[in-house]
Amino acid sequence: MSRKLTVIKQNRQRRRKLLYRRILTVSFVAGFFIISGMFMYSDRIRRLREAEAQFAQLQQQKEEILAQQEYYRSEISKLENEEFVAMLARQVYFKSLPHEILFRIGEIGGLEDLEDLEEN
């Protein structure tokens, strides 16, 4: 009977060791998957933030291009006006009509000054 009890105790110890090994193995595998998942998640978050930053930069460039496009459209519409072109030719390039004599008095800064002159 004592031999039987000893065998039973040994079996219990073996089963317990086997159970601990299984629990340890499952813990390592689960830990590996959890850590791998965390790295993949953090990598995705990093790429998402980079994409958001790039999107914001592209949005800003788009706004700048649209503003520049509007500016050039207004310049085109001004250059389609014959009176403005004539005034521009007289002020900047010193072109005159056959009966006119032009005198230069002071400096003109450029198109912005001509726009001011056109408004007045």
PDB file of N, CA and C in Angstrom:
ATOM      1  N   MET A   1       0.810  -1.180   0.000  1.00  0.00           N
ATOM      2  CA  MET A   1       0.000   0.000   0.000  1.00  0.00           C
ATOM      3  C   MET A   1       0.867   1.262   0.000  1.00  0.00           C
ATOM      4  N   SER A   2       1.931   1.239   0.681  1.00  0.00           N
ATOM      5  CA  SER A   2       2.808   2.393   0.716  1.00  0.00           C
ATOM      6  C   SER A   2       3.426   2.620  -0.654  1.00  0.00           C
ATOM      7  N   ARG A   3       3.668   1.520  -1.357  1.00  0.00           N
ATOM      8  CA  ARG A   3       4.188   1.651  -2.715  1.00  0.00           C
ATOM      9  C   ARG A   3       3.134   2.309  -3.607  1.00  0.00           C
ATOM     10  N   LYS A   4       1.906   1.940  -3.419  1.00  0.00           N
ATOM     11  CA  LYS A   4       0.810   2.511  -4.186  1.00  0.00           C
ATOM     12  C   LYS A   4       0.668   4.007  -3.902  1.00  0.00           C
ATOM     13  N   LEU A   5       0.787   4.398  -2.650  1.00  0.00           N
ATOM     14  CA  LEU A   5       0.713   5.801  -2.275  1.00  0.00           C
ATOM     15  C   LEU A   5       1.882   6.577  -2.859  1.00  0.00           C
ATOM     16  N   THR A   6       3.034   5.987  -2.891  1.00  0.00           N
ATOM     17  CA  THR A   6       4.210   6.629  -3.440  1.00  0.00           C
ATOM     18  C   THR A   6       4.035   6.858  -4.941  1.00  0.00           C
ATOM     19  N   VAL A   7       3.483   5.861  -5.644  1.00  0.00           N
ATOM     20  CA  VAL A   7       3.232   5.986  -7.074  1.00  0.00           C
ATOM     21  C   VAL A   7       2.190   7.063  -7.338  1.00  0.00           C
ATOM     22  N   ILE A   8       1.169   7.115  -6.507  1.00  0.00           N
ATOM     23  CA  ILE A   8       0.120   8.122  -6.653  1.00  0.00           C
ATOM     24  C   ILE A   8       0.713   9.521  -6.431  1.00  0.00           C
ATOM     25  N   LYS A   9       1.564   9.683  -5.436  1.00  0.00           N
ATOM     26  CA  LYS A   9       2.198  10.971  -5.154  1.00  0.00           C
ATOM     27  C   LYS A   9       3.106  11.386  -6.311  1.00  0.00           C
ATOM     28  N   GLN A  10       3.846  10.393  -6.838  1.00  0.00           N
ATOM     29  CA  GLN A  10       4.721  10.696  -7.968  1.00  0.00           C
ATOM     30  C   GLN A  10       3.914  11.117  -9.202  1.00  0.00           C
ATOM     31  N   ASN A  11       2.796  10.426  -9.426  1.00  0.00           N
ATOM     32  CA  ASN A  11       1.924  10.799 -10.556  1.00  0.00           C
ATOM     33  C   ASN A  11       1.372  12.214 -10.384  1.00  0.00           C
ATOM     34  N   ARG A  12       0.964  12.525  -9.144  1.00  0.00           N
ATOM     35  CA  ARG A  12       0.459  13.865  -8.865  1.00  0.00           C
ATOM     36  C   ARG A  12       1.547  14.916  -9.127  1.00  0.00           C
ATOM     37  N   GLN A  13       2.756  14.630  -8.673  1.00  0.00           N
ATOM     38  CA  GLN A  13       3.865  15.556  -8.886  1.00  0.00           C
ATOM     39  C   GLN A  13       4.158  15.726 -10.377  1.00  0.00           C
ATOM     40  N   ARG A  14       4.133  14.604 -11.130  1.00  0.00           N
ATOM     41  CA  ARG A  14       4.359  14.675 -12.574  1.00  0.00           C
ATOM     42  C   ARG A  14       3.269  15.491 -13.261  1.00  0.00           C
ATOM     43  N   ARG A  15       2.046  15.225 -12.864  1.00  0.00           N
ATOM     44  CA  ARG A  15       0.930  15.987 -13.461  1.00  0.00           C
ATOM     45  C   ARG A  15       1.039  17.471 -13.119  1.00  0.00           C
ATOM     46  N   ARG A  16       1.415  17.757 -11.893  1.00  0.00           N
ATOM     47  CA  ARG A  16       1.551  19.136 -11.464  1.00  0.00           C
ATOM     48  C   ARG A  16       2.671  19.829 -12.253  1.00  0.00           C
ATOM     49  N   LYS A  17       3.811  19.136 -12.418  1.00  0.00           N
ATOM     50  CA  LYS A  17       4.908  19.688 -13.201  1.00  0.00           C
ATOM     51  C   LYS A  17       4.479  19.901 -14.648  1.00  0.00           C
ATOM     52  N   LEU A  18       3.750  18.932 -15.202  1.00  0.00           N
ATOM     53  CA  LEU A  18       3.259  19.035 -16.564  1.00  0.00           C
ATOM     54  C   LEU A  18       2.285  20.211 -16.692  1.00  0.00           C
ATOM     55  N   LEU A  19       1.422  20.376 -15.710  1.00  0.00           N
ATOM     56  CA  LEU A  19       0.483  21.493 -15.705  1.00  0.00           C
ATOM     57  C   LEU A  19       1.245  22.822 -15.650  1.00  0.00           C
ATOM     58  N   TYR A  20       2.244  22.924 -14.768  1.00  0.00           N
ATOM     59  CA  TYR A  20       3.042  24.147 -14.679  1.00  0.00           C
ATOM     60  C   TYR A  20       3.760  24.437 -15.990  1.00  0.00           C
ATOM     61  N   ARG A  21       4.299  23.400 -16.616  1.00  0.00           N
ATOM     62  CA  ARG A  21       4.967  23.586 -17.898  1.00  0.00           C
ATOM     63  C   ARG A  21       3.996  24.073 -18.962  1.00  0.00           C
ATOM     64  N   ARG A  22       2.796  23.486 -18.991  1.00  0.00           N
ATOM     65  CA  ARG A  22       1.784  23.919 -19.965  1.00  0.00           C
ATOM     66  C   ARG A  22       1.373  25.368 -19.724  1.00  0.00           C
ATOM     67  N   ILE A  23       1.162  25.706 -18.446  1.00  0.00           N
ATOM     68  CA  ILE A  23       0.781  27.081 -18.108  1.00  0.00           C
ATOM     69  C   ILE A  23       1.898  28.047 -18.489  1.00  0.00           C
ATOM     70  N   LEU A  24       3.147  27.671 -18.210  1.00  0.00           N
ATOM     71  CA  LEU A  24       4.284  28.501 -18.562  1.00  0.00           C
ATOM     72  C   LEU A  24       4.400  28.667 -20.077  1.00  0.00           C
ATOM     73  N   THR A  25       4.218  27.573 -20.820  1.00  0.00           N
ATOM     74  CA  THR A  25       4.285  27.627 -22.289  1.00  0.00           C
ATOM     75  C   THR A  25       3.181  28.515 -22.846  1.00  0.00           C
ATOM     76  N   VAL A  26       1.968  28.334 -22.370  1.00  0.00           N
ATOM     77  CA  VAL A  26       0.846  29.156 -22.828  1.00  0.00           C
ATOM     78  C   VAL A  26       1.091  30.626 -22.470  1.00  0.00           C
ATOM     79  N   SER A  27       1.650  30.880 -21.294  1.00  0.00           N
ATOM     80  CA  SER A  27       1.944  32.259 -20.889  1.00  0.00           C
ATOM     81  C   SER A  27       2.971  32.891 -21.822  1.00  0.00           C
ATOM     82  N   PHE A  28       4.039  32.140 -22.148  1.00  0.00           N
ATOM     83  CA  PHE A  28       5.040  32.667 -23.077  1.00  0.00           C
ATOM     84  C   PHE A  28       4.456  32.932 -24.455  1.00  0.00           C
ATOM     85  N   VAL A  29       3.655  32.012 -24.957  1.00  0.00           N
ATOM     86  CA  VAL A  29       3.049  32.195 -26.285  1.00  0.00           C
ATOM     87  C   VAL A  29       2.094  33.394 -26.270  1.00  0.00           C
ATOM     88  N   ALA A  30       1.278  33.478 -25.236  1.00  0.00           N
ATOM     89  CA  ALA A  30       0.345  34.608 -25.135  1.00  0.00           C
ATOM     90  C   ALA A  30       1.118  35.923 -24.998  1.00  0.00           C
ATOM     91  N   GLY A  31       2.174  35.935 -24.205  1.00  0.00           N
ATOM     92  CA  GLY A  31       2.997  37.135 -24.050  1.00  0.00           C
ATOM     93  C   GLY A  31       3.643  37.539 -25.363  1.00  0.00           C
ATOM     94  N   PHE A  32       4.111  36.543 -26.121  1.00  0.00           N
ATOM     95  CA  PHE A  32       4.706  36.830 -27.427  1.00  0.00           C
ATOM     96  C   PHE A  32       3.695  37.494 -28.347  1.00  0.00           C
ATOM     97  N   PHE A  33       2.477  36.941 -28.397  1.00  0.00           N
ATOM     98  CA  PHE A  33       1.455  37.519 -29.268  1.00  0.00           C
ATOM     99  C   PHE A  33       1.030  38.909 -28.787  1.00  0.00           C
ATOM    100  N   ILE A  34       0.960  39.090 -27.493  1.00  0.00           N
ATOM    101  CA  ILE A  34       0.580  40.409 -26.968  1.00  0.00           C
ATOM    102  C   ILE A  34       1.645  41.445 -27.307  1.00  0.00           C
ATOM    103  N   ILE A  35       2.907  41.091 -27.106  1.00  0.00           N
ATOM    104  CA  ILE A  35       3.992  42.031 -27.407  1.00  0.00           C
ATOM    105  C   ILE A  35       4.063  42.306 -28.907  1.00  0.00           C
ATOM    106  N   SER A  36       3.909  41.261 -29.712  1.00  0.00           N
ATOM    107  CA  SER A  36       3.909  41.458 -31.175  1.00  0.00           C
ATOM    108  C   SER A  36       2.757  42.367 -31.592  1.00  0.00           C
ATOM    109  N   GLY A  37       1.590  42.141 -31.018  1.00  0.00           N
ATOM    110  CA  GLY A  37       0.434  42.985 -31.324  1.00  0.00           C
ATOM    111  C   GLY A  37       0.665  44.429 -30.929  1.00  0.00           C
ATOM    112  N   MET A  38       1.315  44.653 -29.787  1.00  0.00           N
ATOM    113  CA  MET A  38       1.593  46.026 -29.354  1.00  0.00           C
ATOM    114  C   MET A  38       2.543  46.718 -30.327  1.00  0.00           C
ATOM    115  N   PHE A  39       3.567  46.011 -30.793  1.00  0.00           N
ATOM    116  CA  PHE A  39       4.496  46.619 -31.755  1.00  0.00           C
ATOM    117  C   PHE A  39       3.789  46.919 -33.077  1.00  0.00           C
ATOM    118  N   MET A  40       2.957  46.012 -33.534  1.00  0.00           N
ATOM    119  CA  MET A  40       2.236  46.259 -34.786  1.00  0.00           C
ATOM    120  C   MET A  40       1.282  47.438 -34.625  1.00  0.00           C
ATOM    121  N   TYR A  41       0.604  47.516 -33.485  1.00  0.00           N
ATOM    122  CA  TYR A  41      -0.326  48.604 -33.226  1.00  0.00           C
ATOM    123  C   TYR A  41       0.414  49.941 -33.176  1.00  0.00           C
ATOM    124  N   SER A  42       1.546  49.988 -32.462  1.00  0.00           N
ATOM    125  CA  SER A  42       2.289  51.242 -32.359  1.00  0.00           C
ATOM    126  C   SER A  42       2.845  51.651 -33.725  1.00  0.00           C
ATOM    127  N   ASP A  43       3.239  50.676 -34.556  1.00  0.00           N
ATOM    128  CA  ASP A  43       3.715  50.992 -35.893  1.00  0.00           C
ATOM    129  C   ASP A  43       2.593  51.574 -36.742  1.00  0.00           C
ATOM    130  N   ARG A  44       1.417  51.007 -36.638  1.00  0.00           N
ATOM    131  CA  ARG A  44       0.267  51.536 -37.390  1.00  0.00           C
ATOM    132  C   ARG A  44      -0.097  52.939 -36.925  1.00  0.00           C
ATOM    133  N   ILE A  45      -0.054  53.159 -35.623  1.00  0.00           N
ATOM    134  CA  ILE A  45      -0.357  54.485 -35.087  1.00  0.00           C
ATOM    135  C   ILE A  45       0.665  55.489 -35.598  1.00  0.00           C
ATOM    136  N   ARG A  46       1.944  55.117 -35.629  1.00  0.00           N
ATOM    137  CA  ARG A  46       2.994  55.998 -36.125  1.00  0.00           C
ATOM    138  C   ARG A  46       2.767  56.336 -37.599  1.00  0.00           C
ATOM    139  N   ARG A  47       2.444  55.307 -38.403  1.00  0.00           N
ATOM    140  CA  ARG A  47       2.194  55.555 -39.822  1.00  0.00           C
ATOM    141  C   ARG A  47       0.946  56.404 -40.027  1.00  0.00           C
ATOM    142  N   LEU A  48      -0.070  56.203 -39.187  1.00  0.00           N
ATOM    143  CA  LEU A  48      -1.284  57.012 -39.271  1.00  0.00           C
ATOM    144  C   LEU A  48      -0.980  58.473 -38.970  1.00  0.00           C
ATOM    145  N   ARG A  49      -0.175  58.722 -37.953  1.00  0.00           N
ATOM    146  CA  ARG A  49       0.171  60.105 -37.607  1.00  0.00           C
ATOM    147  C   ARG A  49       0.998  60.755 -38.719  1.00  0.00           C
ATOM    148  N   GLU A  50       1.908  59.984 -39.315  1.00  0.00           N
ATOM    149  CA  GLU A  50       2.681  60.512 -40.439  1.00  0.00           C
ATOM    150  C   GLU A  50       1.759  60.855 -41.612  1.00  0.00           C
ATOM    151  N   ALA A  51       0.791  59.976 -41.878  1.00  0.00           N
ATOM    152  CA  ALA A  51      -0.145  60.224 -42.978  1.00  0.00           C
ATOM    153  C   ALA A  51      -1.009  61.448 -42.676  1.00  0.00           C
ATOM    154  N   GLU A  52      -1.422  61.621 -41.433  1.00  0.00           N
ATOM    155  CA  GLU A  52      -2.217  62.790 -41.062  1.00  0.00           C
ATOM    156  C   GLU A  52      -1.405  64.074 -41.212  1.00  0.00           C
ATOM    157  N   ALA A  53      -0.133  64.025 -40.819  1.00  0.00           N
ATOM    158  CA  ALA A  53       0.731  65.201 -40.966  1.00  0.00           C
ATOM    159  C   ALA A  53       0.930  65.532 -42.447  1.00  0.00           C
ATOM    160  N   GLN A  54       1.136  64.501 -43.247  1.00  0.00           N
ATOM    161  CA  GLN A  54       1.301  64.722 -44.685  1.00  0.00           C
ATOM    162  C   GLN A  54       0.011  65.262 -45.296  1.00  0.00           C
ATOM    163  N   PHE A  55      -1.125  64.760 -44.846  1.00  0.00           N
ATOM    164  CA  PHE A  55      -2.420  65.242 -45.337  1.00  0.00           C
ATOM    165  C   PHE A  55      -2.600  66.714 -44.993  1.00  0.00           C
ATOM    166  N   ALA A  56      -2.255  67.097 -43.769  1.00  0.00           N
ATOM    167  CA  ALA A  56      -2.383  68.506 -43.359  1.00  0.00           C
ATOM    168  C   ALA A  56      -1.468  69.389 -44.199  1.00  0.00           C
ATOM    169  N   GLN A  57      -0.249  68.904 -44.471  1.00  0.00           N
ATOM    170  CA  GLN A  57       0.678  69.666 -45.295  1.00  0.00           C
ATOM    171  C   GLN A  57       0.130  69.819 -46.711  1.00  0.00           C
ATOM    172  N   LEU A  58      -0.429  68.758 -47.263  1.00  0.00           N
ATOM    173  CA  LEU A  58      -0.984  68.828 -48.608  1.00  0.00           C
ATOM    174  C   LEU A  58      -2.208  69.731 -48.663  1.00  0.00           C
ATOM    175  N   GLN A  59      -3.008  69.728 -47.606  1.00  0.00           N
ATOM    176  CA  GLN A  59      -4.162  70.633 -47.537  1.00  0.00           C
ATOM    177  C   GLN A  59      -3.695  72.083 -47.550  1.00  0.00           C
ATOM    178  N   GLN A  60      -2.632  72.358 -46.795  1.00  0.00           N
ATOM    179  CA  GLN A  60      -2.102  73.720 -46.753  1.00  0.00           C
ATOM    180  C   GLN A  60      -1.569  74.123 -48.130  1.00  0.00           C
ATOM    181  N   GLN A  61      -0.862  73.221 -48.785  1.00  0.00           N
ATOM    182  CA  GLN A  61      -0.369  73.507 -50.133  1.00  0.00           C
ATOM    183  C   GLN A  61      -1.526  73.753 -51.090  1.00  0.00           C
ATOM    184  N   LYS A  62      -2.596  72.980 -50.940  1.00  0.00           N
ATOM    185  CA  LYS A  62      -3.767  73.157 -51.795  1.00  0.00           C
ATOM    186  C   LYS A  62      -4.368  74.544 -51.610  1.00  0.00           C
ATOM    187  N   GLU A  63      -4.489  74.968 -50.341  1.00  0.00           N
ATOM    188  CA  GLU A  63      -5.036  76.298 -50.064  1.00  0.00           C
ATOM    189  C   GLU A  63      -4.148  77.391 -50.671  1.00  0.00           C
ATOM    190  N   GLU A  64      -2.832  77.215 -50.539  1.00  0.00           N
ATOM    191  CA  GLU A  64      -1.917  78.201 -51.110  1.00  0.00           C
ATOM    192  C   GLU A  64      -2.044  78.255 -52.632  1.00  0.00           C
ATOM    193  N   ILE A  65      -2.155  77.087 -53.247  1.00  0.00           N
ATOM    194  CA  ILE A  65      -2.288  77.032 -54.707  1.00  0.00           C
ATOM    195  C   ILE A  65      -3.609  77.645 -55.149  1.00  0.00           C
ATOM    196  N   LEU A  66      -4.678  77.395 -54.413  1.00  0.00           N
ATOM    197  CA  LEU A  66      -5.966  77.997 -54.764  1.00  0.00           C
ATOM    198  C   LEU A  66      -5.920  79.516 -54.638  1.00  0.00           C
ATOM    199  N   ALA A  67      -5.245  80.012 -53.590  1.00  0.00           N
ATOM    200  CA  ALA A  67      -5.121  81.460 -53.434  1.00  0.00           C
ATOM    201  C   ALA A  67      -4.278  82.045 -54.574  1.00  0.00           C
ATOM    202  N   GLN A  68      -3.210  81.352 -54.918  1.00  0.00           N
ATOM    203  CA  GLN A  68      -2.365  81.802 -56.015  1.00  0.00           C
ATOM    204  C   GLN A  68      -3.130  81.770 -57.336  1.00  0.00           C
ATOM    205  N   GLN A  69      -3.944  80.744 -57.526  1.00  0.00           N
ATOM    206  CA  GLN A  69      -4.758  80.630 -58.737  1.00  0.00           C
ATOM    207  C   GLN A  69      -5.748  81.788 -58.825  1.00  0.00           C
ATOM    208  N   GLU A  70      -6.363  82.122 -57.712  1.00  0.00           N
ATOM    209  CA  GLU A  70      -7.301  83.246 -57.690  1.00  0.00           C
ATOM    210  C   GLU A  70      -6.582  84.558 -58.014  1.00  0.00           C
ATOM    211  N   TYR A  71      -5.380  84.719 -57.472  1.00  0.00           N
ATOM    212  CA  TYR A  71      -4.600  85.917 -57.764  1.00  0.00           C
ATOM    213  C   TYR A  71      -4.314  86.015 -59.260  1.00  0.00           C
ATOM    214  N   TYR A  72      -3.876  84.912 -59.864  1.00  0.00           N
ATOM    215  CA  TYR A  72      -3.555  84.940 -61.291  1.00  0.00           C
ATOM    216  C   TYR A  72      -4.803  85.143 -62.149  1.00  0.00           C
ATOM    217  N   ARG A  73      -5.928  84.624 -61.715  1.00  0.00           N
ATOM    218  CA  ARG A  73      -7.176  84.872 -62.456  1.00  0.00           C
ATOM    219  C   ARG A  73      -7.530  86.353 -62.427  1.00  0.00           C
ATOM    220  N   SER A  74      -7.342  86.983 -61.273  1.00  0.00           N
ATOM    221  CA  SER A  74      -7.633  88.415 -61.192  1.00  0.00           C
ATOM    222  C   SER A  74      -6.653  89.206 -62.055  1.00  0.00           C
ATOM    223  N   GLU A  75      -5.389  88.781 -62.093  1.00  0.00           N
ATOM    224  CA  GLU A  75      -4.412  89.460 -62.955  1.00  0.00           C
ATOM    225  C   GLU A  75      -4.789  89.290 -64.432  1.00  0.00           C
ATOM    226  N   ILE A  76      -5.243  88.115 -64.796  1.00  0.00           N
ATOM    227  CA  ILE A  76      -5.664  87.872 -66.180  1.00  0.00           C
ATOM    228  C   ILE A  76      -6.849  88.755 -66.531  1.00  0.00           C
ATOM    229  N   SER A  77      -7.804  88.844 -65.598  1.00  0.00           N
ATOM    230  CA  SER A  77      -8.975  89.683 -65.885  1.00  0.00           C
ATOM    231  C   SER A  77      -8.571  91.158 -66.017  1.00  0.00           C
ATOM    232  N   LYS A  78      -7.589  91.598 -65.239  1.00  0.00           N
ATOM    233  CA  LYS A  78      -7.113  92.978 -65.378  1.00  0.00           C
ATOM    234  C   LYS A  78      -6.436  93.183 -66.722  1.00  0.00           C
ATOM    235  N   LEU A  79      -5.644  92.199 -67.133  1.00  0.00           N
ATOM    236  CA  LEU A  79      -4.928  92.334 -68.409  1.00  0.00           C
ATOM    237  C   LEU A  79      -5.862  92.222 -69.608  1.00  0.00           C
ATOM    238  N   GLU A  80      -7.063  91.709 -69.399  1.00  0.00           N
ATOM    239  CA  GLU A  80      -8.055  91.682 -70.485  1.00  0.00           C
ATOM    240  C   GLU A  80      -8.719  93.050 -70.668  1.00  0.00           C
ATOM    241  N   ASN A  81      -8.581  93.905 -69.685  1.00  0.00           N
ATOM    242  CA  ASN A  81      -9.130  95.257 -69.752  1.00  0.00           C
ATOM    243  C   ASN A  81      -8.161  96.125 -70.550  1.00  0.00           C
ATOM    244  N   GLU A  82      -8.625  96.671 -71.668  1.00  0.00           N
ATOM    245  CA  GLU A  82      -7.755  97.444 -72.568  1.00  0.00           C
ATOM    246  C   GLU A  82      -7.269  98.735 -71.915  1.00  0.00           C
ATOM    247  N   GLU A  83      -8.092  99.364 -71.109  1.00  0.00           N
ATOM    248  CA  GLU A  83      -7.684 100.595 -70.442  1.00  0.00           C
ATOM    249  C   GLU A  83      -6.540 100.334 -69.463  1.00  0.00           C
ATOM    250  N   PHE A  84      -6.632  99.235 -68.733  1.00  0.00           N
ATOM    251  CA  PHE A  84      -5.570  98.882 -67.791  1.00  0.00           C
ATOM    252  C   PHE A  84      -4.273  98.576 -68.521  1.00  0.00           C
ATOM    253  N   VAL A  85      -4.358  97.858 -69.637  1.00  0.00           N
ATOM    254  CA  VAL A  85      -3.165  97.534 -70.415  1.00  0.00           C
ATOM    255  C   VAL A  85      -2.540  98.813 -70.971  1.00  0.00           C
ATOM    256  N   ALA A  86      -3.368  99.730 -71.434  1.00  0.00           N
ATOM    257  CA  ALA A  86      -2.853 101.003 -71.945  1.00  0.00           C
ATOM    258  C   ALA A  86      -2.163 101.787 -70.833  1.00  0.00           C
ATOM    259  N   MET A  87      -2.785 101.842 -69.661  1.00  0.00           N
ATOM    260  CA  MET A  87      -2.196 102.528 -68.529  1.00  0.00           C
ATOM    261  C   MET A  87      -0.895 101.849 -68.112  1.00  0.00           C
ATOM    262  N   LEU A  88      -0.866 100.544 -68.105  1.00  0.00           N
ATOM    263  CA  LEU A  88       0.337  99.787 -67.776  1.00  0.00           C
ATOM    264  C   LEU A  88       1.447 100.082 -68.779  1.00  0.00           C
ATOM    265  N   ALA A  89       1.106 100.118 -70.044  1.00  0.00           N
ATOM    266  CA  ALA A  89       2.098 100.406 -71.085  1.00  0.00           C
ATOM    267  C   ALA A  89       2.651 101.817 -70.921  1.00  0.00           C
ATOM    268  N   ARG A  90       1.790 102.761 -70.576  1.00  0.00           N
ATOM    269  CA  ARG A  90       2.263 104.137 -70.395  1.00  0.00           C
ATOM    270  C   ARG A  90       3.151 104.262 -69.164  1.00  0.00           C
ATOM    271  N   GLN A  91       2.716 103.680 -68.048  1.00  0.00           N
ATOM    272  CA  GLN A  91       3.429 103.855 -66.783  1.00  0.00           C
ATOM    273  C   GLN A  91       4.738 103.068 -66.722  1.00  0.00           C
ATOM    274  N   VAL A  92       4.725 101.825 -67.151  1.00  0.00           N
ATOM    275  CA  VAL A  92       5.893 100.966 -66.984  1.00  0.00           C
ATOM    276  C   VAL A  92       6.807 101.004 -68.199  1.00  0.00           C
ATOM    277  N   TYR A  93       6.228 100.965 -69.379  1.00  0.00           N
ATOM    278  CA  TYR A  93       7.036 100.839 -70.592  1.00  0.00           C
ATOM    279  C   TYR A  93       7.147 102.148 -71.387  1.00  0.00           C
ATOM    280  N   PHE A  94       6.582 103.231 -70.873  1.00  0.00           N
ATOM    281  CA  PHE A  94       6.658 104.550 -71.484  1.00  0.00           C
ATOM    282  C   PHE A  94       6.150 104.570 -72.934  1.00  0.00           C
ATOM    283  N   LYS A  95       5.085 103.859 -73.180  1.00  0.00           N
ATOM    284  CA  LYS A  95       4.435 103.888 -74.491  1.00  0.00           C
ATOM    285  C   LYS A  95       3.421 105.022 -74.468  1.00  0.00           C
ATOM    286  N   SER A  96       3.252 105.650 -75.595  1.00  0.00           N
ATOM    287  CA  SER A  96       2.312 106.768 -75.626  1.00  0.00           C
ATOM    288  C   SER A  96       1.501 106.731 -76.916  1.00  0.00           C
ATOM    289  N   LEU A  97       0.441 107.447 -76.872  1.00  0.00           N
ATOM    290  CA  LEU A  97      -0.363 107.637 -78.077  1.00  0.00           C
ATOM    291  C   LEU A  97       0.358 108.638 -78.968  1.00  0.00           C
ATOM    292  N   PRO A  98       0.011 108.697 -80.235  1.00  0.00           N
ATOM    293  CA  PRO A  98       0.724 109.607 -81.139  1.00  0.00           C
ATOM    294  C   PRO A  98       0.706 111.075 -80.704  1.00  0.00           C
ATOM    295  N   HIS A  99      -0.322 111.533 -80.044  1.00  0.00           N
ATOM    296  CA  HIS A  99      -0.412 112.943 -79.684  1.00  0.00           C
ATOM    297  C   HIS A  99       0.035 113.219 -78.247  1.00  0.00           C
ATOM    298  N   GLU A 100       0.545 112.214 -77.510  1.00  0.00           N
ATOM    299  CA  GLU A 100       0.911 112.381 -76.105  1.00  0.00           C
ATOM    300  C   GLU A 100       2.424 112.536 -75.955  1.00  0.00           C
ATOM    301  N   ILE A 101       2.795 113.243 -74.909  1.00  0.00           N
ATOM    302  CA  ILE A 101       4.193 113.336 -74.488  1.00  0.00           C
ATOM    303  C   ILE A 101       4.226 112.894 -73.036  1.00  0.00           C
ATOM    304  N   LEU A 102       5.084 111.922 -72.724  1.00  0.00           N
ATOM    305  CA  LEU A 102       5.150 111.391 -71.361  1.00  0.00           C
ATOM    306  C   LEU A 102       6.344 111.972 -70.626  1.00  0.00           C
ATOM    307  N   PHE A 103       6.109 112.285 -69.348  1.00  0.00           N
ATOM    308  CA  PHE A 103       7.169 112.752 -68.470  1.00  0.00           C
ATOM    309  C   PHE A 103       7.207 111.816 -67.274  1.00  0.00           C
ATOM    310  N   ARG A 104       8.399 111.412 -66.899  1.00  0.00           N
ATOM    311  CA  ARG A 104       8.532 110.516 -65.747  1.00  0.00           C
ATOM    312  C   ARG A 104       8.807 111.354 -64.514  1.00  0.00           C
ATOM    313  N   ILE A 105       7.939 111.175 -63.506  1.00  0.00           N
ATOM    314  CA  ILE A 105       8.095 111.906 -62.258  1.00  0.00           C
ATOM    315  C   ILE A 105       8.096 110.880 -61.135  1.00  0.00           C
ATOM    316  N   GLY A 106       9.242 110.554 -60.558  1.00  0.00           N
ATOM    317  CA  GLY A 106       9.330 109.621 -59.441  1.00  0.00           C
ATOM    318  C   GLY A 106       9.344 108.163 -59.887  1.00  0.00           C
ATOM    319  N   GLU A 107       9.428 107.288 -58.907  1.00  0.00           N
ATOM    320  CA  GLU A 107       9.494 105.847 -59.152  1.00  0.00           C
ATOM    321  C   GLU A 107       8.126 105.210 -58.916  1.00  0.00           C
ATOM    322  N   ILE A 108       7.834 104.216 -59.714  1.00  0.00           N
ATOM    323  CA  ILE A 108       6.619 103.423 -59.526  1.00  0.00           C
ATOM    324  C   ILE A 108       7.066 102.034 -59.098  1.00  0.00           C
ATOM    325  N   GLY A 109       6.476 101.526 -58.033  1.00  0.00           N
ATOM    326  CA  GLY A 109       6.914 100.253 -57.469  1.00  0.00           C
ATOM    327  C   GLY A 109       6.550  99.043 -58.280  1.00  0.00           C
ATOM    328  N   GLY A 110       5.554  99.085 -59.084  1.00  0.00           N
ATOM    329  CA  GLY A 110       5.154  97.923 -59.856  1.00  0.00           C
ATOM    330  C   GLY A 110       3.658  97.870 -60.043  1.00  0.00           C
ATOM    331  N   LEU A 111       3.151  96.683 -60.229  1.00  0.00           N
ATOM    332  CA  LEU A 111       1.724  96.513 -60.509  1.00  0.00           C
ATOM    333  C   LEU A 111       0.840  96.942 -59.349  1.00  0.00           C
ATOM    334  N   GLU A 112       1.341  96.813 -58.123  1.00  0.00           N
ATOM    335  CA  GLU A 112       0.525  97.210 -56.976  1.00  0.00           C
ATOM    336  C   GLU A 112       0.228  98.709 -57.027  1.00  0.00           C
ATOM    337  N   ASP A 113       1.246  99.511 -57.385  1.00  0.00           N
ATOM    338  CA  ASP A 113       1.017 100.952 -57.502  1.00  0.00           C
ATOM    339  C   ASP A 113       0.056 101.263 -58.642  1.00  0.00           C
ATOM    340  N   LEU A 114       0.153 100.484 -59.707  1.00  0.00           N
ATOM    341  CA  LEU A 114      -0.765 100.694 -60.826  1.00  0.00           C
ATOM    342  C   LEU A 114      -2.195 100.364 -60.425  1.00  0.00           C
ATOM    343  N   GLU A 115      -2.354  99.366 -59.593  1.00  0.00           N
ATOM    344  CA  GLU A 115      -3.686  99.034 -59.111  1.00  0.00           C
ATOM    345  C   GLU A 115      -4.253 100.173 -58.288  1.00  0.00           C
ATOM    346  N   ASP A 116      -3.384 100.796 -57.471  1.00  0.00           N
ATOM    347  CA  ASP A 116      -3.818 101.937 -56.671  1.00  0.00           C
ATOM    348  C   ASP A 116      -4.222 103.093 -57.588  1.00  0.00           C
ATOM    349  N   LEU A 117      -3.444 103.292 -58.650  1.00  0.00           N
ATOM    350  CA  LEU A 117      -3.763 104.352 -59.600  1.00  0.00           C
ATOM    351  C   LEU A 117      -5.082 104.073 -60.309  1.00  0.00           C
ATOM    352  N   GLU A 118      -5.313 102.780 -60.608  1.00  0.00           N
ATOM    353  CA  GLU A 118      -6.544 102.409 -61.311  1.00  0.00           C
ATOM    354  C   GLU A 118      -7.774 102.669 -60.443  1.00  0.00           C
ATOM    355  N   GLU A 119      -7.642 102.444 -59.150  1.00  0.00           N
ATOM    356  CA  GLU A 119      -8.763 102.663 -58.234  1.00  0.00           C
ATOM    357  C   GLU A 119      -9.083 104.141 -58.106  1.00  0.00           C
ATOM    358  N   ASN A 120      -8.065 105.000 -58.178  1.00  0.00           N
ATOM    359  CA  ASN A 120      -8.269 106.441 -58.040  1.00  0.00           C
ATOM    360  C   ASN A 120      -8.687 106.983 -59.369  1.00  0.00           C
TER     361      ASN A 120
END
